[in-house]
Amino acid sequence: MREGGRRVRRAGTALLPWGAAGGVYGWASWCYGGSSAPSGAVALVGGAVLVLACCAVYGVLVGGTGGFFGALLLSLGMLLTVAAADQAASRPATATCAVREVHTKVQHSSGEGAPPTRTVYRFVLGCPDGYPAELKEDRAVAAVGDEVKVAYDPARRVSAELEGRTTPWKSAAWAAALLALSMTVAWAKQAPE
């Protein structure tokens, strides 16, 4: 292969992680937020095929142990990209709701190395359209009679959360770091001709 062709292939392989992440983000955004989204099984299988296909192509193009570990980094970056898409699209609506009741439940753990005891708070809500009806948190966020701003999914696919609690930035930052590492591996190590 000529030198110019090698450079194009090397650059294309190095950019593959970003293109793959863009594709999986688009797929996940459509599956989570689209009005014509496919069923859960189709979304899961389609996403899995997309991730596995991109990782396989990456592994073949890079080759060797670099291809294996780069594909592993790529797969983790793509999964974090899906998490960022989920967090960005899963609760598009907000409502200001009154807290009608607060219930607490203590969850005990026993045994050596078990997680610590934790308290779960369940807030019964009075929202304008009757939904969401409750909010679960690991801390007391309001008292009876207070108002809280709640982010929720009108299609009721995920539970409601406090507005601003879930943001995609942490997942997106980790995804970008892993994709950059995958790109670096691809740039540094290419499969022999």
N, C-alpha and C. Protein backbone atom coordinates (compact mmCIF):
# COMPACT_ATOMS: atom_id res chain seq x y z
N MET A 1 0.85 -1.17 0.00
CA MET A 1 0.00 0.00 0.00
C MET A 1 0.89 1.23 0.00
N ARG A 2 0.53 2.24 -0.78
CA ARG A 2 1.32 3.46 -0.84
C ARG A 2 1.26 4.22 0.46
N GLU A 3 2.25 5.11 0.65
CA GLU A 3 2.35 5.90 1.88
C GLU A 3 1.10 6.76 2.11
N GLY A 4 0.56 7.37 1.07
CA GLY A 4 -0.64 8.20 1.21
C GLY A 4 -1.85 7.38 1.66
N GLY A 5 -1.96 6.17 1.13
CA GLY A 5 -3.04 5.28 1.52
C GLY A 5 -2.93 4.84 2.97
N ARG A 6 -1.70 4.61 3.41
CA ARG A 6 -1.48 4.23 4.81
C ARG A 6 -1.89 5.35 5.75
N ARG A 7 -1.56 6.57 5.39
CA ARG A 7 -1.93 7.71 6.24
C ARG A 7 -3.44 7.87 6.34
N VAL A 8 -4.11 7.70 5.22
CA VAL A 8 -5.58 7.81 5.22
C VAL A 8 -6.18 6.71 6.08
N ARG A 9 -5.67 5.48 5.94
CA ARG A 9 -6.18 4.37 6.74
C ARG A 9 -5.90 4.60 8.22
N ARG A 10 -4.70 5.09 8.54
CA ARG A 10 -4.34 5.34 9.93
C ARG A 10 -5.23 6.42 10.53
N ALA A 11 -5.44 7.50 9.79
CA ALA A 11 -6.31 8.58 10.28
C ALA A 11 -7.75 8.09 10.42
N GLY A 12 -8.22 7.31 9.46
CA GLY A 12 -9.58 6.77 9.53
C GLY A 12 -9.77 5.85 10.73
N THR A 13 -8.78 5.01 10.97
CA THR A 13 -8.86 4.11 12.13
C THR A 13 -8.82 4.89 13.42
N ALA A 14 -7.98 5.93 13.48
CA ALA A 14 -7.90 6.75 14.69
C ALA A 14 -9.20 7.51 14.95
N LEU A 15 -9.91 7.87 13.89
CA LEU A 15 -11.17 8.60 14.05
C LEU A 15 -12.37 7.68 14.24
N LEU A 16 -12.17 6.38 14.04
CA LEU A 16 -13.26 5.40 14.20
C LEU A 16 -13.95 5.49 15.56
N PRO A 17 -13.23 5.62 16.68
CA PRO A 17 -13.93 5.70 17.97
C PRO A 17 -14.95 6.84 18.04
N TRP A 18 -14.61 7.99 17.48
CA TRP A 18 -15.52 9.13 17.55
C TRP A 18 -16.73 8.92 16.65
N GLY A 19 -16.51 8.35 15.47
CA GLY A 19 -17.64 8.05 14.60
C GLY A 19 -18.56 6.99 15.20
N ALA A 20 -17.94 5.97 15.82
CA ALA A 20 -18.72 4.92 16.46
C ALA A 20 -19.54 5.48 17.62
N ALA A 21 -18.92 6.35 18.42
CA ALA A 21 -19.64 6.96 19.54
C ALA A 21 -20.78 7.84 19.04
N GLY A 22 -20.54 8.57 17.95
CA GLY A 22 -21.62 9.38 17.38
C GLY A 22 -22.78 8.52 16.90
N GLY A 23 -22.46 7.39 16.27
CA GLY A 23 -23.51 6.49 15.80
C GLY A 23 -24.31 5.88 16.95
N VAL A 24 -23.62 5.44 17.99
CA VAL A 24 -24.33 4.82 19.11
C VAL A 24 -25.11 5.88 19.90
N TYR A 25 -24.60 7.12 19.96
CA TYR A 25 -25.35 8.19 20.62
C TYR A 25 -26.64 8.49 19.86
N GLY A 26 -26.54 8.55 18.54
CA GLY A 26 -27.75 8.77 17.73
C GLY A 26 -28.77 7.66 17.90
N TRP A 27 -28.30 6.41 17.88
CA TRP A 27 -29.18 5.26 18.07
C TRP A 27 -29.86 5.33 19.45
N ALA A 28 -29.06 5.57 20.48
CA ALA A 28 -29.60 5.60 21.84
C ALA A 28 -30.57 6.76 22.02
N SER A 29 -30.24 7.93 21.47
CA SER A 29 -31.15 9.08 21.58
C SER A 29 -32.48 8.79 20.93
N TRP A 30 -32.46 8.15 19.77
CA TRP A 30 -33.70 7.81 19.10
C TRP A 30 -34.49 6.79 19.92
N CYS A 31 -33.79 5.79 20.44
CA CYS A 31 -34.46 4.75 21.22
C CYS A 31 -35.03 5.28 22.53
N TYR A 32 -34.34 6.22 23.18
CA TYR A 32 -34.81 6.74 24.46
C TYR A 32 -35.83 7.86 24.29
N GLY A 33 -35.66 8.71 23.31
CA GLY A 33 -36.49 9.90 23.26
C GLY A 33 -37.40 10.02 22.07
N GLY A 34 -37.22 9.20 21.07
CA GLY A 34 -38.01 9.34 19.86
C GLY A 34 -39.44 8.87 20.04
N SER A 35 -40.36 9.57 19.38
CA SER A 35 -41.76 9.16 19.46
C SER A 35 -42.01 7.88 18.66
N SER A 36 -41.15 7.61 17.68
CA SER A 36 -41.29 6.39 16.88
C SER A 36 -40.22 5.38 17.26
N ALA A 37 -39.80 5.39 18.52
CA ALA A 37 -38.72 4.52 18.99
C ALA A 37 -39.12 3.05 18.88
N PRO A 38 -38.12 2.19 18.63
CA PRO A 38 -38.42 0.75 18.55
C PRO A 38 -38.70 0.17 19.93
N SER A 39 -39.11 -1.07 19.95
CA SER A 39 -39.35 -1.75 21.22
C SER A 39 -38.04 -1.89 21.98
N GLY A 40 -38.14 -2.17 23.26
CA GLY A 40 -36.95 -2.32 24.09
C GLY A 40 -36.02 -3.41 23.59
N ALA A 41 -36.58 -4.53 23.12
CA ALA A 41 -35.74 -5.63 22.64
C ALA A 41 -34.98 -5.24 21.38
N VAL A 42 -35.66 -4.57 20.46
CA VAL A 42 -35.00 -4.14 19.22
C VAL A 42 -33.93 -3.10 19.53
N ALA A 43 -34.23 -2.19 20.46
CA ALA A 43 -33.25 -1.17 20.84
C ALA A 43 -32.01 -1.81 21.45
N LEU A 44 -32.20 -2.77 22.33
CA LEU A 44 -31.07 -3.43 22.98
C LEU A 44 -30.24 -4.23 22.00
N VAL A 45 -30.89 -5.03 21.17
CA VAL A 45 -30.16 -5.85 20.20
C VAL A 45 -29.46 -4.97 19.17
N GLY A 46 -30.14 -3.96 18.68
CA GLY A 46 -29.53 -3.05 17.71
C GLY A 46 -28.32 -2.34 18.29
N GLY A 47 -28.42 -1.87 19.53
CA GLY A 47 -27.29 -1.22 20.17
C GLY A 47 -26.13 -2.17 20.39
N ALA A 48 -26.44 -3.40 20.82
CA ALA A 48 -25.39 -4.39 21.05
C ALA A 48 -24.67 -4.73 19.75
N VAL A 49 -25.41 -4.90 18.67
CA VAL A 49 -24.80 -5.20 17.37
C VAL A 49 -23.92 -4.04 16.92
N LEU A 50 -24.39 -2.82 17.11
CA LEU A 50 -23.61 -1.65 16.73
C LEU A 50 -22.29 -1.58 17.52
N VAL A 51 -22.35 -1.78 18.82
CA VAL A 51 -21.15 -1.74 19.66
C VAL A 51 -20.19 -2.86 19.28
N LEU A 52 -20.69 -4.08 19.14
CA LEU A 52 -19.83 -5.22 18.81
C LEU A 52 -19.22 -5.08 17.42
N ALA A 53 -19.98 -4.59 16.46
CA ALA A 53 -19.46 -4.43 15.10
C ALA A 53 -18.35 -3.38 15.06
N CYS A 54 -18.56 -2.27 15.73
CA CYS A 54 -17.53 -1.22 15.77
C CYS A 54 -16.26 -1.72 16.44
N CYS A 55 -16.41 -2.45 17.53
CA CYS A 55 -15.25 -2.99 18.24
C CYS A 55 -14.52 -4.03 17.40
N ALA A 56 -15.26 -4.85 16.68
CA ALA A 56 -14.63 -5.86 15.82
C ALA A 56 -13.85 -5.20 14.69
N VAL A 57 -14.43 -4.19 14.05
CA VAL A 57 -13.74 -3.48 12.98
C VAL A 57 -12.49 -2.81 13.53
N TYR A 58 -12.60 -2.19 14.67
CA TYR A 58 -11.45 -1.54 15.31
C TYR A 58 -10.35 -2.57 15.60
N GLY A 59 -10.72 -3.68 16.19
CA GLY A 59 -9.74 -4.72 16.51
C GLY A 59 -9.02 -5.24 15.30
N VAL A 60 -9.73 -5.43 14.18
CA VAL A 60 -9.11 -5.92 12.96
C VAL A 60 -8.18 -4.86 12.37
N LEU A 61 -8.63 -3.61 12.33
CA LEU A 61 -7.82 -2.55 11.74
C LEU A 61 -6.56 -2.26 12.55
N VAL A 62 -6.65 -2.31 13.87
CA VAL A 62 -5.49 -2.00 14.70
C VAL A 62 -4.63 -3.24 14.88
N GLY A 63 -5.23 -4.37 15.19
CA GLY A 63 -4.51 -5.63 15.30
C GLY A 63 -3.75 -5.80 16.60
N GLY A 64 -3.43 -7.03 16.93
CA GLY A 64 -2.61 -7.37 18.08
C GLY A 64 -3.24 -7.01 19.42
N THR A 65 -2.38 -6.92 20.42
CA THR A 65 -2.88 -6.60 21.76
C THR A 65 -3.39 -5.16 21.82
N GLY A 66 -2.80 -4.28 21.03
CA GLY A 66 -3.30 -2.90 20.96
C GLY A 66 -4.72 -2.87 20.45
N GLY A 67 -5.02 -3.70 19.47
CA GLY A 67 -6.39 -3.77 18.95
C GLY A 67 -7.36 -4.30 19.98
N PHE A 68 -6.91 -5.30 20.75
CA PHE A 68 -7.80 -5.86 21.79
C PHE A 68 -8.09 -4.83 22.87
N PHE A 69 -7.02 -4.24 23.43
CA PHE A 69 -7.23 -3.29 24.52
C PHE A 69 -7.88 -1.99 24.03
N GLY A 70 -7.56 -1.58 22.83
CA GLY A 70 -8.22 -0.40 22.26
C GLY A 70 -9.71 -0.65 22.04
N ALA A 71 -10.05 -1.86 21.57
CA ALA A 71 -11.46 -2.21 21.39
C ALA A 71 -12.19 -2.27 22.72
N LEU A 72 -11.49 -2.73 23.76
CA LEU A 72 -12.08 -2.74 25.10
C LEU A 72 -12.36 -1.31 25.57
N LEU A 73 -11.39 -0.42 25.38
CA LEU A 73 -11.60 1.00 25.73
C LEU A 73 -12.73 1.59 24.90
N LEU A 74 -12.78 1.24 23.62
CA LEU A 74 -13.84 1.73 22.74
C LEU A 74 -15.21 1.26 23.22
N SER A 75 -15.32 -0.01 23.59
CA SER A 75 -16.62 -0.53 24.04
C SER A 75 -17.08 0.17 25.31
N LEU A 76 -16.16 0.39 26.24
CA LEU A 76 -16.53 1.10 27.48
C LEU A 76 -16.92 2.54 27.19
N GLY A 77 -16.18 3.18 26.29
CA GLY A 77 -16.54 4.55 25.90
C GLY A 77 -17.90 4.62 25.24
N MET A 78 -18.22 3.64 24.41
CA MET A 78 -19.53 3.63 23.75
C MET A 78 -20.65 3.37 24.76
N LEU A 79 -20.41 2.49 25.73
CA LEU A 79 -21.43 2.24 26.75
C LEU A 79 -21.68 3.48 27.60
N LEU A 80 -20.62 4.22 27.91
CA LEU A 80 -20.79 5.48 28.64
C LEU A 80 -21.49 6.53 27.77
N THR A 81 -21.30 6.46 26.48
CA THR A 81 -22.01 7.35 25.56
C THR A 81 -23.51 7.04 25.60
N VAL A 82 -23.85 5.76 25.66
CA VAL A 82 -25.26 5.37 25.79
C VAL A 82 -25.82 5.88 27.12
N ALA A 83 -25.05 5.77 28.19
CA ALA A 83 -25.50 6.29 29.49
C ALA A 83 -25.74 7.79 29.43
N ALA A 84 -24.85 8.52 28.75
CA ALA A 84 -25.04 9.96 28.61
C ALA A 84 -26.30 10.28 27.81
N ALA A 85 -26.56 9.51 26.76
CA ALA A 85 -27.78 9.72 25.96
C ALA A 85 -29.02 9.44 26.79
N ASP A 86 -28.95 8.40 27.60
CA ASP A 86 -30.07 8.06 28.49
C ASP A 86 -30.34 9.19 29.47
N GLN A 87 -29.28 9.69 30.09
CA GLN A 87 -29.45 10.74 31.08
C GLN A 87 -29.92 12.04 30.44
N ALA A 88 -29.55 12.28 29.20
CA ALA A 88 -29.96 13.51 28.53
C ALA A 88 -31.41 13.45 28.06
N ALA A 89 -31.88 12.27 27.69
CA ALA A 89 -33.20 12.19 27.05
C ALA A 89 -34.28 11.52 27.87
N SER A 90 -33.94 10.89 28.98
CA SER A 90 -34.92 10.05 29.64
C SER A 90 -35.96 10.79 30.46
N ARG A 91 -35.70 12.02 30.88
CA ARG A 91 -36.66 12.77 31.69
C ARG A 91 -36.84 14.17 31.11
N PRO A 92 -37.53 14.30 29.96
CA PRO A 92 -37.61 15.61 29.30
C PRO A 92 -38.63 16.58 29.91
N ALA A 93 -39.57 16.11 30.69
CA ALA A 93 -40.61 16.98 31.23
C ALA A 93 -40.33 17.32 32.69
N THR A 94 -40.82 18.48 33.12
CA THR A 94 -40.67 18.87 34.52
C THR A 94 -42.01 19.33 35.07
N ALA A 95 -42.15 19.22 36.37
CA ALA A 95 -43.36 19.67 37.06
C ALA A 95 -43.00 20.14 38.46
N THR A 96 -43.75 21.10 38.95
CA THR A 96 -43.61 21.54 40.34
C THR A 96 -44.71 20.84 41.13
N CYS A 97 -44.31 20.03 42.10
CA CYS A 97 -45.26 19.19 42.82
C CYS A 97 -45.19 19.48 44.32
N ALA A 98 -46.32 19.32 44.97
CA ALA A 98 -46.39 19.48 46.43
C ALA A 98 -46.12 18.13 47.09
N VAL A 99 -45.38 18.15 48.17
CA VAL A 99 -45.10 16.93 48.92
C VAL A 99 -46.26 16.71 49.88
N ARG A 100 -46.99 15.60 49.70
CA ARG A 100 -48.15 15.30 50.54
C ARG A 100 -47.81 14.43 51.73
N GLU A 101 -46.91 13.46 51.51
CA GLU A 101 -46.50 12.55 52.59
C GLU A 101 -45.03 12.21 52.41
N VAL A 102 -44.38 11.89 53.52
CA VAL A 102 -43.00 11.42 53.48
C VAL A 102 -42.93 10.13 54.28
N HIS A 103 -42.44 9.06 53.63
CA HIS A 103 -42.28 7.76 54.28
C HIS A 103 -40.81 7.40 54.25
N THR A 104 -40.32 6.82 55.32
CA THR A 104 -38.92 6.39 55.37
C THR A 104 -38.86 4.88 55.60
N LYS A 105 -37.83 4.29 55.03
CA LYS A 105 -37.60 2.86 55.21
C LYS A 105 -36.10 2.67 55.40
N VAL A 106 -35.73 2.04 56.50
CA VAL A 106 -34.32 1.76 56.78
C VAL A 106 -33.99 0.38 56.23
N GLN A 107 -32.94 0.33 55.41
CA GLN A 107 -32.50 -0.94 54.84
C GLN A 107 -31.21 -1.34 55.53
N HIS A 108 -31.30 -2.41 56.31
CA HIS A 108 -30.16 -2.89 57.08
C HIS A 108 -29.34 -3.87 56.26
N SER A 109 -28.07 -3.89 56.54
CA SER A 109 -27.16 -4.85 55.94
C SER A 109 -26.45 -5.57 57.08
N SER A 110 -26.15 -6.83 56.87
CA SER A 110 -25.43 -7.56 57.91
C SER A 110 -24.29 -8.34 57.28
N GLY A 111 -23.34 -8.66 58.13
CA GLY A 111 -22.19 -9.42 57.66
C GLY A 111 -20.98 -8.54 57.46
N GLU A 112 -19.84 -9.16 57.45
CA GLU A 112 -18.60 -8.43 57.29
C GLU A 112 -18.47 -7.95 55.85
N GLY A 113 -18.15 -6.69 55.69
CA GLY A 113 -17.98 -6.12 54.36
C GLY A 113 -19.28 -5.73 53.68
N ALA A 114 -20.41 -5.86 54.37
CA ALA A 114 -21.70 -5.50 53.79
C ALA A 114 -21.80 -3.98 53.68
N PRO A 115 -22.62 -3.49 52.75
CA PRO A 115 -22.79 -2.04 52.64
C PRO A 115 -23.43 -1.49 53.91
N PRO A 116 -23.21 -0.22 54.20
CA PRO A 116 -23.77 0.36 55.42
C PRO A 116 -25.29 0.45 55.35
N THR A 117 -25.89 0.57 56.52
CA THR A 117 -27.34 0.75 56.58
C THR A 117 -27.69 2.07 55.90
N ARG A 118 -28.79 2.07 55.13
CA ARG A 118 -29.20 3.30 54.48
C ARG A 118 -30.69 3.52 54.64
N THR A 119 -31.08 4.77 54.56
CA THR A 119 -32.48 5.15 54.67
C THR A 119 -32.97 5.61 53.32
N VAL A 120 -34.11 5.08 52.88
CA VAL A 120 -34.73 5.47 51.62
C VAL A 120 -35.97 6.30 51.96
N TYR A 121 -36.08 7.45 51.33
CA TYR A 121 -37.21 8.34 51.54
C TYR A 121 -38.14 8.24 50.34
N ARG A 122 -39.42 8.03 50.62
CA ARG A 122 -40.43 8.00 49.55
C ARG A 122 -41.36 9.18 49.78
N PHE A 123 -41.40 10.07 48.80
CA PHE A 123 -42.23 11.27 48.88
C PHE A 123 -43.47 11.07 48.01
N VAL A 124 -44.64 11.14 48.63
CA VAL A 124 -45.90 11.07 47.89
C VAL A 124 -46.17 12.48 47.39
N LEU A 125 -46.35 12.62 46.07
CA LEU A 125 -46.46 13.93 45.45
C LEU A 125 -47.87 14.25 44.98
N GLY A 126 -48.18 15.52 44.96
CA GLY A 126 -49.39 16.04 44.34
C GLY A 126 -48.97 16.91 43.17
N CYS A 127 -48.96 16.33 41.97
CA CYS A 127 -48.51 17.05 40.78
C CYS A 127 -49.73 17.51 39.97
N PRO A 128 -49.56 18.55 39.14
CA PRO A 128 -50.70 19.10 38.40
C PRO A 128 -51.49 18.07 37.57
N ASP A 129 -50.81 17.16 36.88
CA ASP A 129 -51.51 16.16 36.06
C ASP A 129 -51.62 14.81 36.75
N GLY A 130 -51.26 14.74 38.03
CA GLY A 130 -51.35 13.49 38.76
C GLY A 130 -50.15 12.57 38.58
N TYR A 131 -49.23 12.94 37.71
CA TYR A 131 -48.03 12.14 37.50
C TYR A 131 -46.83 13.07 37.50
N PRO A 132 -45.76 12.73 38.11
CA PRO A 132 -45.48 11.53 38.88
C PRO A 132 -46.16 11.56 40.24
N ALA A 133 -46.45 10.39 40.75
CA ALA A 133 -47.15 10.28 42.03
C ALA A 133 -46.21 10.15 43.21
N GLU A 134 -44.95 9.75 42.94
CA GLU A 134 -43.99 9.60 44.04
C GLU A 134 -42.58 9.84 43.55
N LEU A 135 -41.70 10.05 44.52
CA LEU A 135 -40.29 10.30 44.26
C LEU A 135 -39.51 9.57 45.35
N LYS A 136 -38.51 8.81 44.97
CA LYS A 136 -37.68 8.11 45.95
C LYS A 136 -36.28 8.71 45.93
N GLU A 137 -35.76 8.99 47.12
CA GLU A 137 -34.44 9.58 47.28
C GLU A 137 -33.72 8.92 48.44
N ASP A 138 -32.41 9.09 48.47
CA ASP A 138 -31.63 8.54 49.58
C ASP A 138 -31.34 9.59 50.65
N ARG A 139 -32.01 10.72 50.55
CA ARG A 139 -31.89 11.78 51.55
C ARG A 139 -33.20 12.55 51.63
N ALA A 140 -33.39 13.24 52.73
CA ALA A 140 -34.61 14.04 52.90
C ALA A 140 -34.45 15.33 52.10
N VAL A 141 -35.23 15.49 51.04
CA VAL A 141 -35.10 16.67 50.19
C VAL A 141 -36.21 17.69 50.43
N ALA A 142 -37.27 17.28 51.11
CA ALA A 142 -38.38 18.19 51.38
C ALA A 142 -39.22 17.64 52.52
N ALA A 143 -40.00 18.53 53.11
CA ALA A 143 -40.92 18.14 54.18
C ALA A 143 -42.35 18.20 53.63
N VAL A 144 -43.28 17.65 54.37
CA VAL A 144 -44.69 17.69 53.98
C VAL A 144 -45.10 19.16 53.82
N GLY A 145 -45.74 19.46 52.69
CA GLY A 145 -46.17 20.81 52.40
C GLY A 145 -45.22 21.59 51.51
N ASP A 146 -43.97 21.15 51.39
CA ASP A 146 -43.00 21.82 50.52
C ASP A 146 -43.30 21.49 49.06
N GLU A 147 -42.73 22.31 48.18
CA GLU A 147 -42.82 22.04 46.75
C GLU A 147 -41.45 21.63 46.23
N VAL A 148 -41.44 20.69 45.29
CA VAL A 148 -40.20 20.25 44.66
C VAL A 148 -40.39 20.26 43.15
N LYS A 149 -39.30 20.54 42.43
CA LYS A 149 -39.32 20.47 40.97
C LYS A 149 -38.83 19.08 40.58
N VAL A 150 -39.64 18.39 39.82
CA VAL A 150 -39.38 17.00 39.47
C VAL A 150 -39.23 16.87 37.96
N ALA A 151 -38.22 16.13 37.51
CA ALA A 151 -38.04 15.78 36.11
C ALA A 151 -38.57 14.37 35.92
N TYR A 152 -39.35 14.17 34.86
CA TYR A 152 -39.95 12.86 34.64
C TYR A 152 -40.13 12.58 33.16
N ASP A 153 -40.43 11.33 32.86
CA ASP A 153 -40.68 10.88 31.49
C ASP A 153 -42.18 10.71 31.33
N PRO A 154 -42.82 11.49 30.44
CA PRO A 154 -44.27 11.33 30.24
C PRO A 154 -44.68 9.93 29.78
N ALA A 155 -43.76 9.21 29.12
CA ALA A 155 -44.06 7.85 28.68
C ALA A 155 -43.89 6.84 29.81
N ARG A 156 -43.42 7.29 30.96
CA ARG A 156 -43.29 6.48 32.18
C ARG A 156 -42.34 5.30 32.04
N ARG A 157 -41.24 5.50 31.28
CA ARG A 157 -40.25 4.43 31.12
C ARG A 157 -39.26 4.39 32.27
N VAL A 158 -39.02 5.54 32.93
CA VAL A 158 -38.09 5.61 34.05
C VAL A 158 -38.74 6.37 35.19
N SER A 159 -38.26 6.16 36.41
CA SER A 159 -38.84 6.84 37.56
C SER A 159 -38.43 8.30 37.59
N ALA A 160 -39.22 9.10 38.27
CA ALA A 160 -38.98 10.53 38.36
C ALA A 160 -37.78 10.81 39.27
N GLU A 161 -37.14 11.96 39.04
CA GLU A 161 -36.03 12.41 39.87
C GLU A 161 -36.16 13.91 40.09
N LEU A 162 -35.44 14.41 41.07
CA LEU A 162 -35.38 15.85 41.26
C LEU A 162 -34.79 16.49 40.02
N GLU A 163 -35.31 17.63 39.64
CA GLU A 163 -34.80 18.32 38.46
C GLU A 163 -33.34 18.68 38.68
N GLY A 164 -32.50 18.44 37.67
CA GLY A 164 -31.09 18.75 37.74
C GLY A 164 -30.24 17.70 38.43
N ARG A 165 -30.85 16.67 38.94
CA ARG A 165 -30.10 15.63 39.66
C ARG A 165 -29.27 14.78 38.71
N THR A 166 -29.87 14.40 37.60
CA THR A 166 -29.17 13.56 36.63
C THR A 166 -28.74 14.41 35.45
N THR A 167 -27.44 14.52 35.25
CA THR A 167 -26.92 15.23 34.09
C THR A 167 -25.98 14.31 33.33
N PRO A 168 -25.90 14.48 32.03
CA PRO A 168 -25.07 13.59 31.22
C PRO A 168 -23.59 13.93 31.24
N TRP A 169 -23.18 14.98 31.91
CA TRP A 169 -21.81 15.46 31.78
C TRP A 169 -20.77 14.51 32.35
N LYS A 170 -21.06 13.88 33.46
CA LYS A 170 -20.06 12.97 34.04
C LYS A 170 -19.83 11.78 33.12
N SER A 171 -20.90 11.17 32.65
CA SER A 171 -20.77 10.04 31.72
C SER A 171 -20.10 10.48 30.43
N ALA A 172 -20.46 11.65 29.93
CA ALA A 172 -19.87 12.15 28.69
C ALA A 172 -18.38 12.41 28.84
N ALA A 173 -17.97 12.94 29.99
CA ALA A 173 -16.54 13.20 30.21
C ALA A 173 -15.74 11.90 30.27
N TRP A 174 -16.26 10.90 30.96
CA TRP A 174 -15.57 9.61 31.01
C TRP A 174 -15.55 8.95 29.64
N ALA A 175 -16.65 9.07 28.90
CA ALA A 175 -16.70 8.50 27.55
C ALA A 175 -15.64 9.17 26.67
N ALA A 176 -15.54 10.49 26.74
CA ALA A 176 -14.55 11.21 25.92
C ALA A 176 -13.13 10.78 26.27
N ALA A 177 -12.86 10.59 27.56
CA ALA A 177 -11.52 10.15 27.97
C ALA A 177 -11.20 8.76 27.42
N LEU A 178 -12.15 7.84 27.51
CA LEU A 178 -11.91 6.48 27.01
C LEU A 178 -11.80 6.45 25.49
N LEU A 179 -12.61 7.26 24.82
CA LEU A 179 -12.54 7.32 23.35
C LEU A 179 -11.22 7.93 22.90
N ALA A 180 -10.73 8.93 23.64
CA ALA A 180 -9.43 9.52 23.31
C ALA A 180 -8.30 8.51 23.49
N LEU A 181 -8.38 7.70 24.55
CA LEU A 181 -7.37 6.65 24.74
C LEU A 181 -7.44 5.62 23.62
N SER A 182 -8.65 5.27 23.21
CA SER A 182 -8.82 4.32 22.12
C SER A 182 -8.27 4.89 20.82
N MET A 183 -8.49 6.18 20.60
CA MET A 183 -7.95 6.84 19.41
C MET A 183 -6.42 6.85 19.45
N THR A 184 -5.86 7.09 20.61
CA THR A 184 -4.40 7.12 20.76
C THR A 184 -3.80 5.75 20.46
N VAL A 185 -4.43 4.70 20.97
CA VAL A 185 -3.95 3.35 20.69
C VAL A 185 -4.02 3.07 19.19
N ALA A 186 -5.11 3.48 18.54
CA ALA A 186 -5.26 3.24 17.11
C ALA A 186 -4.21 4.01 16.32
N TRP A 187 -3.92 5.22 16.74
CA TRP A 187 -2.93 6.03 16.03
C TRP A 187 -1.52 5.46 16.20
N ALA A 188 -1.23 4.97 17.40
CA ALA A 188 0.12 4.48 17.69
C ALA A 188 0.38 3.10 17.11
N LYS A 189 -0.65 2.26 17.03
CA LYS A 189 -0.43 0.87 16.63
C LYS A 189 -1.43 0.49 15.56
N GLN A 190 -0.98 0.23 14.39
CA GLN A 190 -1.82 -0.24 13.29
C GLN A 190 -1.44 -1.67 12.96
N ALA A 191 -2.41 -2.42 12.42
CA ALA A 191 -2.13 -3.81 12.00
C ALA A 191 -1.10 -3.81 10.87
N PRO A 192 -0.20 -4.79 10.86
CA PRO A 192 0.78 -4.85 9.77
C PRO A 192 0.11 -5.12 8.44
N GLU A 193 0.73 -4.64 7.40
CA GLU A 193 0.17 -4.84 6.04
C GLU A 193 0.29 -6.29 5.62
